[in-house]
Protein backbone atom coordinates (compact mmCIF):
# COMPACT_ATOMS: atom_id res chain seq x y z
CA MET A 1 22.16 -41.44 -17.50
CA SER A 2 18.93 -39.61 -16.75
CA ILE A 3 18.83 -36.36 -14.80
CA LYS A 4 16.90 -38.16 -12.07
CA ARG A 5 19.79 -40.53 -11.47
CA LYS A 6 22.19 -37.62 -11.23
CA LEU A 7 20.37 -35.78 -8.46
CA ALA A 8 22.35 -35.54 -5.25
CA CYS A 9 22.07 -33.98 -1.83
CA LEU A 10 24.79 -31.90 -0.25
CA ALA A 11 24.53 -32.36 3.50
CA TRP A 12 25.47 -29.84 6.18
CA ALA A 13 28.64 -28.07 5.17
CA PRO A 14 30.32 -26.30 8.11
CA LEU A 15 32.33 -23.37 6.76
CA PHE A 16 34.95 -21.78 8.99
CA LEU A 17 36.21 -18.25 8.28
CA ALA A 18 38.85 -16.49 10.38
CA PRO A 19 39.07 -13.58 9.89
CA PRO A 20 37.17 -12.49 6.75
CA ALA A 21 37.96 -9.29 4.86
CA ALA A 22 35.93 -8.14 1.84
CA TYR A 23 36.01 -11.52 0.19
CA ALA A 24 34.09 -12.67 -2.87
CA THR A 25 35.96 -15.61 -4.38
CA ASN A 26 37.01 -17.14 -1.06
CA PRO A 27 36.99 -20.90 -1.77
CA VAL A 28 35.63 -21.51 1.73
CA THR A 29 32.13 -20.53 0.56
CA GLU A 30 32.33 -22.60 -2.63
CA ILE A 31 31.90 -26.28 -3.32
CA HIS A 32 35.16 -27.53 -4.77
CA VAL A 33 34.45 -29.84 -7.71
CA GLY A 34 36.83 -32.62 -6.66
CA ASN A 35 35.68 -35.97 -8.03
CA ILE A 36 32.00 -35.04 -8.43
CA PRO A 37 30.81 -36.40 -11.82
CA LYS A 38 29.92 -33.86 -14.51
CA GLY A 39 26.19 -33.37 -14.90
CA THR A 40 25.49 -33.73 -11.18
CA VAL A 41 22.68 -31.53 -9.85
CA ALA A 42 22.68 -31.01 -6.09
CA LEU A 43 21.02 -29.01 -3.34
CA GLY A 44 22.20 -28.55 0.21
CA VAL A 45 22.61 -26.26 3.18
CA GLY A 46 25.63 -24.91 5.01
CA LEU A 47 26.72 -23.01 8.10
CA ARG A 48 29.16 -20.11 7.72
CA TRP A 49 30.82 -18.50 10.71
CA GLY A 50 33.98 -16.65 11.68
CA ASP A 51 35.44 -13.38 12.91
CA SER A 52 34.21 -9.96 11.81
CA PRO A 53 36.83 -7.39 10.73
CA TYR A 54 34.77 -4.58 12.28
CA ARG A 55 35.51 -3.04 15.67
CA GLY A 56 33.33 -4.31 18.50
CA ILE A 57 31.63 -7.00 16.38
CA ASP A 58 32.84 -10.50 17.12
CA ASP A 59 31.14 -12.59 14.46
CA ILE A 60 29.66 -12.50 10.97
CA GLY A 61 26.07 -13.16 12.08
CA SER A 62 23.12 -10.91 11.31
CA VAL A 63 20.62 -8.95 13.39
CA VAL A 64 17.92 -10.59 11.27
CA SER A 65 18.71 -14.15 12.37
CA GLU A 66 20.14 -13.19 15.81
CA ASN A 67 22.73 -15.92 15.30
CA ALA A 68 26.52 -15.78 15.31
CA TYR A 69 26.53 -17.60 11.97
CA ASP A 70 24.80 -17.66 8.59
CA ILE A 71 22.63 -20.49 7.31
CA MET A 72 23.21 -20.71 3.57
CA PRO A 73 21.48 -22.63 0.78
CA PHE A 74 23.87 -24.36 -1.60
CA TYR A 75 23.25 -25.08 -5.26
CA PHE A 76 25.63 -27.21 -7.28
CA TYR A 77 25.80 -28.00 -10.96
CA GLU A 78 28.82 -28.82 -13.10
CA GLY A 79 28.00 -29.11 -16.79
CA ARG A 80 29.80 -28.76 -20.08
CA TRP A 81 29.05 -25.03 -20.33
CA LEU A 82 27.33 -23.92 -17.11
CA PHE A 83 28.29 -24.30 -13.47
CA ALA A 84 27.09 -23.34 -9.98
CA HIS A 85 29.42 -23.99 -7.05
CA GLY A 86 27.68 -22.59 -4.00
CA SER A 87 28.53 -18.88 -3.84
CA SER A 88 29.60 -18.58 -7.48
CA ALA A 89 28.13 -19.50 -10.87
CA GLY A 90 28.97 -18.90 -14.49
CA ILE A 91 29.85 -20.12 -17.95
CA HIS A 92 32.75 -22.28 -19.11
CA PHE A 93 34.33 -20.71 -22.18
CA LEU A 94 37.10 -23.30 -22.07
CA ASP A 95 37.32 -26.40 -19.88
CA SER A 96 40.00 -28.75 -21.15
CA GLU A 97 42.36 -31.16 -19.43
CA HIS A 98 44.95 -28.44 -18.75
CA PHE A 99 43.25 -25.07 -19.26
CA GLU A 100 40.06 -23.32 -18.19
CA LEU A 101 38.48 -19.93 -18.80
CA ASP A 102 35.21 -18.92 -17.12
CA ALA A 103 32.92 -15.95 -16.86
CA LEU A 104 31.40 -15.88 -13.41
CA ILE A 105 29.32 -14.06 -10.85
CA SER A 106 30.22 -14.35 -7.18
CA TYR A 107 28.50 -13.30 -3.97
CA ARG A 108 30.45 -10.98 -1.66
CA PHE A 109 29.44 -11.68 1.94
CA THR A 110 31.03 -8.72 3.72
CA ARG A 111 28.54 -6.51 5.55
CA LEU A 112 28.32 -4.04 8.40
CA GLU A 113 24.99 -3.84 10.21
CA THR A 114 25.58 -0.70 12.24
CA GLU A 115 22.90 -1.44 14.84
CA ARG A 116 25.06 -4.30 16.15
CA ASN A 117 27.34 -1.82 17.97
CA ASP A 118 26.69 1.74 19.10
CA TYR A 119 30.19 2.71 17.94
CA PHE A 120 28.79 2.80 14.38
CA ARG A 121 25.79 4.96 15.24
CA THR A 122 26.75 7.68 12.70
CA VAL A 123 27.77 5.22 9.97
CA GLU A 124 25.65 3.86 7.13
CA ASP A 125 25.32 0.09 6.68
CA ARG A 126 27.78 -1.62 4.35
CA GLN A 127 25.88 -4.19 2.31
CA GLN A 128 26.71 -7.53 0.80
CA SER A 129 27.17 -7.42 -2.94
CA LEU A 130 27.33 -9.32 -6.21
CA ASP A 131 30.49 -9.27 -8.33
CA ALA A 132 31.16 -10.41 -11.89
CA GLY A 133 34.33 -11.12 -13.81
CA LEU A 134 36.63 -13.69 -15.41
CA ARG A 135 38.67 -16.62 -14.14
CA ALA A 136 41.52 -18.37 -15.98
CA GLY A 137 43.46 -21.39 -14.82
CA ILE A 138 46.04 -24.00 -15.70
CA LYS A 139 46.03 -27.46 -14.17
CA GLY A 140 48.04 -30.66 -14.23
CA GLY A 141 50.03 -33.00 -12.04
CA PHE A 142 51.47 -29.98 -10.21
CA GLY A 143 48.01 -28.88 -9.03
CA LYS A 144 46.00 -25.91 -10.24
CA LEU A 145 46.89 -22.23 -10.58
CA GLY A 146 44.04 -19.78 -11.19
CA LEU A 147 43.69 -16.01 -11.61
CA THR A 148 40.32 -14.34 -10.99
CA TRP A 149 39.30 -10.75 -11.67
CA LEU A 150 36.03 -9.49 -10.20
CA GLY A 151 34.34 -6.09 -10.32
CA GLY A 152 31.16 -4.79 -8.71
CA ALA A 153 28.09 -5.94 -10.65
CA VAL A 154 25.62 -3.84 -8.64
CA ASP A 155 25.89 -0.25 -7.44
CA ARG A 156 27.59 -0.92 -4.11
CA HIS A 157 31.39 -0.79 -3.86
CA ASN A 158 32.16 -0.34 -7.61
CA GLY A 159 35.63 -1.72 -6.92
CA ASN A 160 37.85 -4.47 -8.30
CA GLU A 161 39.61 -7.52 -6.88
CA LEU A 162 42.33 -9.82 -8.20
CA ASP A 163 42.83 -13.28 -6.72
CA LEU A 164 45.76 -15.55 -7.59
CA THR A 165 45.18 -19.00 -6.06
CA TYR A 166 47.22 -22.21 -6.10
CA ARG A 167 45.72 -25.47 -4.87
CA TYR A 168 46.60 -29.15 -4.77
CA GLU A 169 44.17 -32.01 -4.33
CA TRP A 170 44.32 -35.46 -2.81
CA LEU A 171 41.47 -37.83 -3.70
CA GLY A 172 40.46 -40.99 -1.85
CA ALA A 173 37.69 -43.48 -2.43
CA ARG A 174 35.25 -41.40 -0.35
CA TRP A 175 37.10 -38.20 0.52
CA SER A 176 38.97 -35.28 -1.00
CA ILE A 177 41.38 -32.79 0.61
CA SER A 178 42.42 -29.68 -1.29
CA PRO A 179 44.63 -27.09 0.47
CA PHE A 180 45.07 -23.70 -1.19
CA VAL A 181 46.97 -20.44 -0.84
CA SER A 182 45.87 -17.13 -2.37
CA TYR A 183 47.28 -13.69 -2.97
CA VAL A 184 44.41 -11.17 -3.04
CA TYR A 185 44.52 -7.54 -4.19
CA GLN A 186 41.62 -5.11 -3.65
CA ASP A 187 41.54 -1.60 -5.05
CA SER A 188 40.75 1.56 -3.08
CA ASP A 189 37.13 1.73 -4.29
CA LEU A 190 36.41 -1.66 -2.73
CA THR A 191 38.23 -0.98 0.55
CA GLY A 192 36.81 2.55 0.66
CA TYR A 193 33.24 1.30 0.58
CA TYR A 194 33.66 -1.36 3.27
CA TYR A 195 36.22 0.34 5.54
CA GLY A 196 36.27 4.07 4.76
CA VAL A 197 34.68 6.81 6.88
CA THR A 198 33.03 9.69 5.01
CA PRO A 199 32.84 13.27 6.35
CA GLN A 200 29.11 12.78 6.97
CA GLU A 201 29.82 9.68 9.09
CA SER A 202 32.75 11.08 11.05
CA ARG A 203 32.82 12.43 14.59
CA PRO A 204 35.65 13.26 17.06
CA ASP A 205 36.25 9.60 18.00
CA LEU A 206 35.71 8.35 14.42
CA PRO A 207 37.69 10.57 12.03
CA VAL A 208 37.40 10.70 8.26
CA TYR A 209 39.34 7.82 6.72
CA THR A 210 40.05 7.04 3.06
CA PRO A 211 41.87 3.70 2.76
CA GLY A 212 44.11 2.86 -0.15
CA SER A 213 44.33 -0.45 -1.95
CA ALA A 214 44.92 -3.60 0.11
CA ASP A 215 46.63 -6.92 -0.48
CA PHE A 216 46.94 -9.99 1.73
CA LEU A 217 47.55 -13.72 1.77
CA ARG A 218 44.88 -16.32 2.44
CA ILE A 219 45.43 -19.98 3.30
CA GLY A 220 42.81 -22.68 3.64
CA VAL A 221 41.55 -26.11 2.75
CA ASN A 222 38.46 -27.59 1.10
CA THR A 223 37.41 -31.07 2.19
CA SER A 224 34.58 -33.43 1.29
CA TYR A 225 33.40 -36.87 2.34
CA ARG A 226 30.94 -39.08 0.45
CA LEU A 227 28.48 -40.50 2.97
CA THR A 228 26.37 -42.30 0.37
CA GLN A 229 26.11 -42.34 -3.42
CA ARG A 230 23.83 -39.28 -3.22
CA MET A 231 25.06 -37.39 -0.18
CA ARG A 232 28.31 -35.58 0.65
CA LEU A 233 29.59 -33.58 3.58
CA PHE A 234 31.80 -30.53 3.01
CA ALA A 235 33.96 -28.74 5.58
CA ASN A 236 36.06 -25.75 4.49
CA PHE A 237 38.39 -23.43 6.37
CA SER A 238 40.35 -20.28 5.55
CA HIS A 239 42.45 -17.73 7.39
CA GLU A 240 43.71 -14.35 6.25
CA ASN A 241 45.44 -11.40 7.89
CA LEU A 242 43.89 -7.99 7.40
CA ASP A 243 45.93 -5.46 5.45
CA GLU A 244 46.92 -2.35 7.45
CA GLU A 245 44.67 -0.25 5.18
CA VAL A 246 41.74 -2.25 6.59
CA ARG A 247 43.02 -2.36 10.19
CA ASP A 248 43.50 1.41 10.21
């Protein structure tokens, strides 16, 4: 089959997040492979919205777009060695019927634009980041169990995250439904960057704060529907409770 025949279009993919912490590998911002044939190349666009974990900020929108949501380009490719699944991309070291091992990079969407609320007037912006790491998984009739380690790939948070995710998938002629549950651990460097308050940023109503490591559970579902041979719709949802180290 020629590359031309494998081109596809990923249509609008509404992505629901509620509430997001400092996530990188959250499956809600990724295109779950499902029954997409290997070798498929696809382009698309998505909407991402949800609740902000920061005080006085209701949504994850940006002052740049003046919207309560993000408009995101999506790139998809699933090959023998390389892959791109929306917000993550990497290399397959092993991709067999029952085992997988990948090296990957993943975009971390968490940000604090301090001009959105005067409460943060003495605080520096917290920026989105790029992480890199490894992902290993086992799969079979029971579903799929994967463990991902990610560390900061650029000089932002310089922290680490572990994500243990189990998912199961139901496939139909045109649709797929894949619920998942994750246990996520983030070290103090990661939480300190996004949720800590330095002495230079502090004031009487915003004291110095150095959070410790955080862990939490995340539940969600990835869905897709094949409109035509070359177009699919994706709708993903996740929910997680903030750890007290973040809430504090």
